[in-house]
Amino acid sequence: MSKRKFGVGLIVGAVAGLVAGILAAPKSGKETREDIRRRTEEAKAEATRRVDSAKKKANEIIDDGKKIADRARDIADTAAESVKHNAKDVEKDVKKEASRSS
């Protein structure tokens, strides 16, 4: 089971239990509606906080990934330049040896 499905199931179960508990409590309709409204607002605020936190963490991971990719590109560019330079040196050496042999 994925973490997402588990999380959704957990939230749905908690809300269902909360509503069942409120409706089973010996209160007036007005009090019950007020409890439902208040607890719904609390649940919404908590869900919003968790979503915001998850977004922040995701953005941090993305930023870290971009930094790593940039660094890897810089290393690859440096290595490519080094290989290119070494290839030119080898080419010069081969031409030198070829001219000596002729």
C-alpha atoms as a PDB file:
ATOM      1  CA  MET A   1       0.000   0.000   0.000  1.00  0.00           C
ATOM      2  CA  SER A   2       1.385   3.385  -0.913  1.00  0.00           C
ATOM      3  CA  LYS A   3       2.000   6.046   1.703  1.00  0.00           C
ATOM      4  CA  ARG A   4      -0.434   8.332  -0.121  1.00  0.00           C
ATOM      5  CA  LYS A   5      -3.289   5.794   0.018  1.00  0.00           C
ATOM      6  CA  PHE A   6      -2.526   5.093   3.654  1.00  0.00           C
ATOM      7  CA  GLY A   7      -2.528   8.830   4.457  1.00  0.00           C
ATOM      8  CA  VAL A   8      -5.834   9.397   2.651  1.00  0.00           C
ATOM      9  CA  GLY A   9      -7.355   6.390   4.414  1.00  0.00           C
ATOM     10  CA  LEU A  10      -6.103   7.659   7.746  1.00  0.00           C
ATOM     11  CA  ILE A  11      -7.646  11.091   7.184  1.00  0.00           C
ATOM     12  CA  VAL A  12     -10.966   9.661   5.962  1.00  0.00           C
ATOM     13  CA  GLY A  13     -11.099   7.284   8.930  1.00  0.00           C
ATOM     14  CA  ALA A  14     -10.310  10.049  11.400  1.00  0.00           C
ATOM     15  CA  VAL A  15     -12.973  12.323   9.926  1.00  0.00           C
ATOM     16  CA  ALA A  16     -15.552   9.517   9.920  1.00  0.00           C
ATOM     17  CA  GLY A  17     -14.761   8.681  13.541  1.00  0.00           C
ATOM     18  CA  LEU A  18     -14.916  12.329  14.493  1.00  0.00           C
ATOM     19  CA  VAL A  19     -18.302  12.825  12.832  1.00  0.00           C
ATOM     20  CA  ALA A  20     -19.675   9.614  14.370  1.00  0.00           C
ATOM     21  CA  GLY A  21     -18.482  10.707  17.798  1.00  0.00           C
ATOM     22  CA  ILE A  22     -20.014  14.141  17.450  1.00  0.00           C
ATOM     23  CA  LEU A  23     -23.335  12.796  16.201  1.00  0.00           C
ATOM     24  CA  ALA A  24     -23.515  10.222  19.007  1.00  0.00           C
ATOM     25  CA  ALA A  25     -22.845  12.803  21.721  1.00  0.00           C
ATOM     26  CA  PRO A  26     -25.871  13.965  23.742  1.00  0.00           C
ATOM     27  CA  LYS A  27     -25.893  17.614  22.585  1.00  0.00           C
ATOM     28  CA  SER A  28     -28.382  19.882  20.936  1.00  0.00           C
ATOM     29  CA  GLY A  29     -28.395  20.249  17.164  1.00  0.00           C
ATOM     30  CA  LYS A  30     -26.941  23.739  17.428  1.00  0.00           C
ATOM     31  CA  GLU A  31     -24.068  22.540  19.637  1.00  0.00           C
ATOM     32  CA  THR A  32     -23.425  19.579  17.359  1.00  0.00           C
ATOM     33  CA  ARG A  33     -23.307  21.801  14.253  1.00  0.00           C
ATOM     34  CA  GLU A  34     -20.928  24.179  16.037  1.00  0.00           C
ATOM     35  CA  ASP A  35     -18.673  21.257  17.029  1.00  0.00           C
ATOM     36  CA  ILE A  36     -18.658  19.976  13.448  1.00  0.00           C
ATOM     37  CA  ARG A  37     -17.865  23.450  12.091  1.00  0.00           C
ATOM     38  CA  ARG A  38     -15.064  24.030  14.593  1.00  0.00           C
ATOM     39  CA  ARG A  39     -13.482  20.631  14.140  1.00  0.00           C
ATOM     40  CA  THR A  40     -13.763  20.897  10.353  1.00  0.00           C
ATOM     41  CA  GLU A  41     -11.905  24.214  10.470  1.00  0.00           C
ATOM     42  CA  GLU A  42      -9.241  22.679  12.705  1.00  0.00           C
ATOM     43  CA  ALA A  43      -8.838  19.702  10.351  1.00  0.00           C
ATOM     44  CA  LYS A  44      -8.637  22.034   7.340  1.00  0.00           C
ATOM     45  CA  ALA A  45      -5.977  24.170   9.048  1.00  0.00           C
ATOM     46  CA  GLU A  46      -3.949  21.072   9.930  1.00  0.00           C
ATOM     47  CA  ALA A  47      -4.238  19.688   6.393  1.00  0.00           C
ATOM     48  CA  THR A  48      -3.164  23.050   4.960  1.00  0.00           C
ATOM     49  CA  ARG A  49      -0.179  23.156   7.309  1.00  0.00           C
ATOM     50  CA  ARG A  50       0.893  19.652   6.295  1.00  0.00           C
ATOM     51  CA  VAL A  51       0.484  20.379   2.581  1.00  0.00           C
ATOM     52  CA  ASP A  52       2.524  23.570   2.930  1.00  0.00           C
ATOM     53  CA  SER A  53       5.225  21.663   4.794  1.00  0.00           C
ATOM     54  CA  ALA A  54       5.292  18.956   2.117  1.00  0.00           C
ATOM     55  CA  LYS A  55       5.531  21.593  -0.631  1.00  0.00           C
ATOM     56  CA  LYS A  56       8.423  23.271   1.181  1.00  0.00           C
ATOM     57  CA  LYS A  57      10.284  19.974   1.538  1.00  0.00           C
ATOM     58  CA  ALA A  58       9.630  19.102  -2.117  1.00  0.00           C
ATOM     59  CA  ASN A  59      10.970  22.480  -3.237  1.00  0.00           C
ATOM     60  CA  GLU A  60      14.083  21.998  -1.081  1.00  0.00           C
ATOM     61  CA  ILE A  61      14.664  18.588  -2.658  1.00  0.00           C
ATOM     62  CA  ILE A  62      14.187  20.052  -6.143  1.00  0.00           C
ATOM     63  CA  ASP A  63      16.610  22.891  -5.388  1.00  0.00           C
ATOM     64  CA  ASP A  64      19.185  20.422  -4.048  1.00  0.00           C
ATOM     65  CA  GLY A  65      18.749  18.291  -7.173  1.00  0.00           C
ATOM     66  CA  LYS A  66      19.304  21.320  -9.399  1.00  0.00           C
ATOM     67  CA  LYS A  67      22.489  22.211  -7.508  1.00  0.00           C
ATOM     68  CA  ILE A  68      23.771  18.655  -7.845  1.00  0.00           C
ATOM     69  CA  ALA A  69      22.925  18.620 -11.563  1.00  0.00           C
ATOM     70  CA  ASP A  70      24.672  21.967 -12.083  1.00  0.00           C
ATOM     71  CA  ARG A  71      27.765  20.712 -10.269  1.00  0.00           C
ATOM     72  CA  ALA A  72      27.765  17.484 -12.301  1.00  0.00           C
ATOM     73  CA  ARG A  73      27.492  19.525 -15.510  1.00  0.00           C
ATOM     74  CA  ASP A  74      30.428  21.699 -14.426  1.00  0.00           C
ATOM     75  CA  ILE A  75      32.528  18.613 -13.697  1.00  0.00           C
ATOM     76  CA  ALA A  76      31.578  17.073 -17.049  1.00  0.00           C
ATOM     77  CA  ASP A  77      32.427  20.322 -18.868  1.00  0.00           C
ATOM     78  CA  THR A  78      35.814  20.472 -17.146  1.00  0.00           C
ATOM     79  CA  ALA A  79      36.502  16.827 -17.979  1.00  0.00           C
ATOM     80  CA  ALA A  80      35.491  17.378 -21.608  1.00  0.00           C
ATOM     81  CA  GLU A  81      37.830  20.353 -21.896  1.00  0.00           C
ATOM     82  CA  SER A  82      40.650  18.312 -20.400  1.00  0.00           C
ATOM     83  CA  VAL A  83      40.016  15.450 -22.831  1.00  0.00           C
ATOM     84  CA  LYS A  84      39.875  17.898 -25.733  1.00  0.00           C
ATOM     85  CA  HIS A  85      43.166  19.500 -24.655  1.00  0.00           C
ATOM     86  CA  ASN A  86      44.833  16.105 -24.204  1.00  0.00           C
ATOM     87  CA  ALA A  87      43.558  14.973 -27.616  1.00  0.00           C
ATOM     88  CA  LYS A  88      45.160  18.041 -29.235  1.00  0.00           C
ATOM     89  CA  ASP A  89      48.447  17.242 -27.484  1.00  0.00           C
ATOM     90  CA  VAL A  90      48.274  13.638 -28.670  1.00  0.00           C
ATOM     91  CA  GLU A  91      47.492  14.824 -32.208  1.00  0.00           C
ATOM     92  CA  LYS A  92      50.562  17.108 -32.165  1.00  0.00           C
ATOM     93  CA  ASP A  93      52.743  14.270 -30.876  1.00  0.00           C
ATOM     94  CA  VAL A  94      51.438  11.889 -33.551  1.00  0.00           C
ATOM     95  CA  LYS A  95      52.071  14.477 -36.304  1.00  0.00           C
ATOM     96  CA  LYS A  96      55.588  15.076 -34.942  1.00  0.00           C
ATOM     97  CA  GLU A  97      56.372  11.379 -34.925  1.00  0.00           C
ATOM     98  CA  ALA A  98      54.856  10.966 -38.374  1.00  0.00           C
ATOM     99  CA  SER A  99      57.015  13.768 -39.790  1.00  0.00           C
ATOM    100  CA  ARG A 100      60.161  12.248 -38.222  1.00  0.00           C
ATOM    101  CA  SER A 101      59.377   8.873 -39.745  1.00  0.00           C
ATOM    102  CA  SER A 102      58.894  10.283 -43.234  1.00  0.00           C
END
